[in-house]
Protein backbone atom coordinates (compact mmCIF):
# COMPACT_ATOMS: atom_id res chain seq x y z
CA MET A 1 13.28 -34.17 6.38
CA MET A 2 15.80 -31.86 5.31
CA ASP A 3 14.79 -31.93 1.48
CA TRP A 4 10.59 -30.66 2.41
CA ILE A 5 11.90 -27.34 4.37
CA PRO A 6 12.19 -25.10 1.51
CA ILE A 7 8.73 -26.58 -0.22
CA VAL A 8 7.10 -25.77 2.16
CA PHE A 9 8.71 -22.92 3.03
CA VAL A 10 8.09 -21.69 -0.34
CA THR A 11 4.54 -22.55 -0.15
CA PHE A 12 4.00 -20.47 2.43
CA LYS A 13 5.65 -17.19 1.58
CA VAL A 14 3.58 -17.79 -1.88
CA LEU A 15 -0.04 -18.06 -0.66
CA VAL A 16 1.14 -14.97 1.69
CA LEU A 17 2.42 -12.95 -0.69
CA GLY A 18 -0.37 -14.44 -3.01
CA THR A 19 -3.25 -13.36 -0.36
CA GLY A 20 -1.48 -10.34 0.53
CA MET A 21 -1.17 -9.16 -3.31
CA PHE A 22 -4.54 -10.18 -4.07
CA PHE A 23 -6.28 -8.11 -1.45
CA ALA A 24 -4.14 -4.77 -2.45
CA ILE A 25 -4.81 -5.03 -5.71
CA LYS A 26 -9.29 -5.30 -4.58
CA TRP A 27 -8.77 -2.36 -2.82
CA HIS A 28 -6.48 0.45 -5.39
CA TYR A 29 -10.11 -0.93 -7.16
CA ASP A 30 -12.06 -0.11 -5.24
CA GLN A 31 -10.80 3.16 -4.37
CA GLY A 32 -9.92 3.44 -7.87
CA LYS A 33 -13.80 3.55 -8.82
CA LYS A 34 -15.02 6.69 -5.59
CA GLU A 35 -14.88 8.67 -9.07
CA LYS A 36 -14.65 11.96 -7.07
CA GLU A 37 -11.45 10.97 -5.17
CA LYS A 38 -9.69 9.33 -7.89
CA ARG A 39 -7.05 13.02 -7.98
CA ALA A 40 -6.17 11.85 -3.87
CA VAL A 41 -5.46 8.35 -5.05
CA LEU A 42 -3.04 10.38 -7.69
CA ARG A 43 -1.53 12.08 -5.42
CA ALA A 44 -0.97 9.06 -3.24
CA GLY A 45 0.44 6.97 -5.25
CA GLY A 46 2.35 9.51 -6.27
CA LYS A 47 3.86 10.50 -2.66
CA VAL A 48 4.27 6.42 -2.74
CA ALA A 49 6.92 6.11 -5.46
CA ALA A 50 8.11 9.65 -3.91
CA VAL A 51 9.30 8.14 -0.73
CA SER A 52 10.12 4.43 -2.01
CA VAL A 53 12.58 6.27 -4.74
CA LEU A 54 14.15 7.59 -2.06
CA SER A 55 14.37 5.35 0.20
CA LEU A 56 16.36 3.40 -2.13
CA LEU A 57 18.43 5.61 -3.49
CA SER A 58 19.33 6.42 0.47
CA LEU A 59 19.72 3.03 0.84
CA GLY A 60 22.27 2.31 -1.83
CA LEU A 61 23.98 5.56 -0.47
CA VAL A 62 24.61 3.86 3.02
CA THR A 63 25.90 0.97 1.79
CA PHE A 64 28.05 2.67 -0.51
CA VAL A 65 29.33 4.36 2.76
CA LEU A 66 29.49 1.08 4.70
CA ALA A 67 31.67 -0.52 1.92
CA ARG A 68 33.67 2.53 1.60
CA MET A 69 34.60 2.86 5.50
CA LEU A 70 34.85 -1.51 5.28
CA GLY A 71 36.99 -1.42 2.71
CA LEU A 72 35.96 -2.49 0.10
CA ASP A 73 37.06 -2.33 -3.21
CA LEU A 74 34.20 -0.86 -6.12
CA THR A 75 35.90 -0.52 -8.72
CA PHE A 76 34.34 -1.76 -12.06
CA PRO A 77 36.68 -4.34 -13.71
């Protein structure tokens, strides 16, 4: 029984993520077809990219500060 659990969970995850990616790509493609809103789509994409980069940097900073507070050795070998 335990051997089947990873197979079922991974299959479910692939199906859910695959479906989500399909609809995300379809939505973006449909949005891109609207010529008069092309700038708005590009601006929104830039904002999403900027927010993603800022959140990634802030997560890295929080992780670094937390690791320092816990006394972890962060030096490279």
